[in-house]
Structure formats: structure tokens, C-alpha cells
Amino acid sequence: MAAANPNITADAIEATEFMDLSRRYRVTGVPKTIVNETIEIMGGLPEQMFVRAVLEMPEEAGHEGHEG
């Protein structure tokens, strides 16, 4: 999604190299995707299911902590 839309950003973190982040986000397996500090998606999902999970997140989750 980030590649298709300039309003979306993404970071990939190597869990074994950044143990502090792994603990903070309770990473117990990979991949683990966290969206806006609210939605957690564990494991690899087909693209359509991933997009559906992100789009169905609560309205307030999509705007917390973001200006603009």
C-alpha cells in the first residue's frame, strides 16, 4: 500500500537487531504488522485480507497522533 499511495508510510524492522522494539511491540513471531499503534496483524496474509484488516480498523485509530 505504501508504494501505491504517497500518504502511506511503512518501516520494516529486523526484530533480532532491534530487541527493544521487539519487546515494546511484543513480537513473538514474524511477520508482525502494526498499524497506527492500534491494529496488530500477525503472520503473512494474502494482500486482499491485509487490506481488508487495515480498512476495517476503528475510525479513531486511523487519526490518533497524526496531524494534517
Protein backbone atom coordinates (compact mmCIF):
# COMPACT_ATOMS: atom_id res chain seq x y z
CA MET A 1 0.00 0.00 0.00
CA ALA A 2 2.82 2.43 0.83
CA ALA A 3 4.28 2.04 -2.66
CA ALA A 4 0.93 2.86 -4.26
CA ASN A 5 0.00 5.88 -2.12
CA PRO A 6 2.31 8.74 -1.05
CA ASN A 7 0.13 9.35 2.04
CA ILE A 8 1.08 5.95 3.49
CA THR A 9 4.46 5.26 5.06
CA ALA A 10 5.94 1.99 6.21
CA ASP A 11 9.03 0.88 8.09
CA ALA A 12 10.46 -2.63 8.21
CA ILE A 13 12.37 -3.51 11.36
CA GLU A 14 14.59 -6.57 11.84
CA ALA A 15 13.25 -7.97 15.12
CA THR A 16 16.51 -9.67 16.12
CA GLU A 17 18.55 -6.49 15.63
CA PHE A 18 16.18 -4.16 17.48
CA MET A 19 15.30 -6.10 20.60
CA ASP A 20 13.96 -3.01 22.40
CA LEU A 21 11.32 -2.56 19.68
CA SER A 22 10.61 -6.29 19.64
CA ARG A 23 9.85 -6.17 23.37
CA ARG A 24 7.87 -2.92 23.10
CA TYR A 25 5.58 -4.38 20.43
CA ARG A 26 5.58 -7.92 21.89
CA VAL A 27 6.91 -9.53 18.71
CA THR A 28 6.71 -13.29 19.18
CA GLY A 29 6.73 -14.21 15.50
CA VAL A 30 7.26 -12.64 12.14
CA PRO A 31 5.91 -11.03 10.17
CA LYS A 32 4.03 -8.83 12.60
CA THR A 33 2.44 -5.68 11.22
CA ILE A 34 1.34 -2.83 13.47
CA VAL A 35 -0.87 -0.10 12.03
CA ASN A 36 -1.12 3.26 13.82
CA GLU A 37 -0.13 1.64 17.13
CA THR A 38 -3.61 0.05 17.22
CA ILE A 39 -4.06 -2.82 14.79
CA GLU A 40 -1.76 -5.84 15.07
CA ILE A 41 -1.66 -8.34 12.24
CA MET A 42 0.34 -11.48 12.97
CA GLY A 43 1.64 -13.65 10.17
CA GLY A 44 1.59 -13.30 6.46
CA LEU A 45 -1.80 -12.60 4.93
CA PRO A 46 -2.84 -12.51 1.31
CA GLU A 47 -2.89 -8.88 0.12
CA GLN A 48 -6.68 -8.70 -0.09
CA MET A 49 -7.10 -9.89 3.53
CA PHE A 50 -4.38 -7.50 4.75
CA VAL A 51 -6.02 -4.50 3.06
CA ARG A 52 -9.42 -5.50 4.46
CA ALA A 53 -7.98 -5.72 8.00
CA VAL A 54 -6.44 -2.25 7.71
CA LEU A 55 -9.54 -0.67 6.18
CA GLU A 56 -11.81 -2.12 8.86
CA MET A 57 -9.82 -0.58 11.72
CA PRO A 58 -11.80 1.73 14.03
CA GLU A 59 -12.18 5.30 12.75
CA GLU A 60 -10.44 6.85 15.77
CA ALA A 61 -7.44 4.52 15.34
CA GLY A 62 -6.65 5.98 11.95
CA HIS A 63 -6.29 9.52 13.26
CA GLU A 64 -4.61 9.25 16.67
CA GLY A 65 -1.35 11.09 16.95
CA HIS A 66 -1.37 12.33 13.37
CA GLU A 67 -1.64 15.93 12.25
CA GLY A 68 -2.80 17.06 8.88
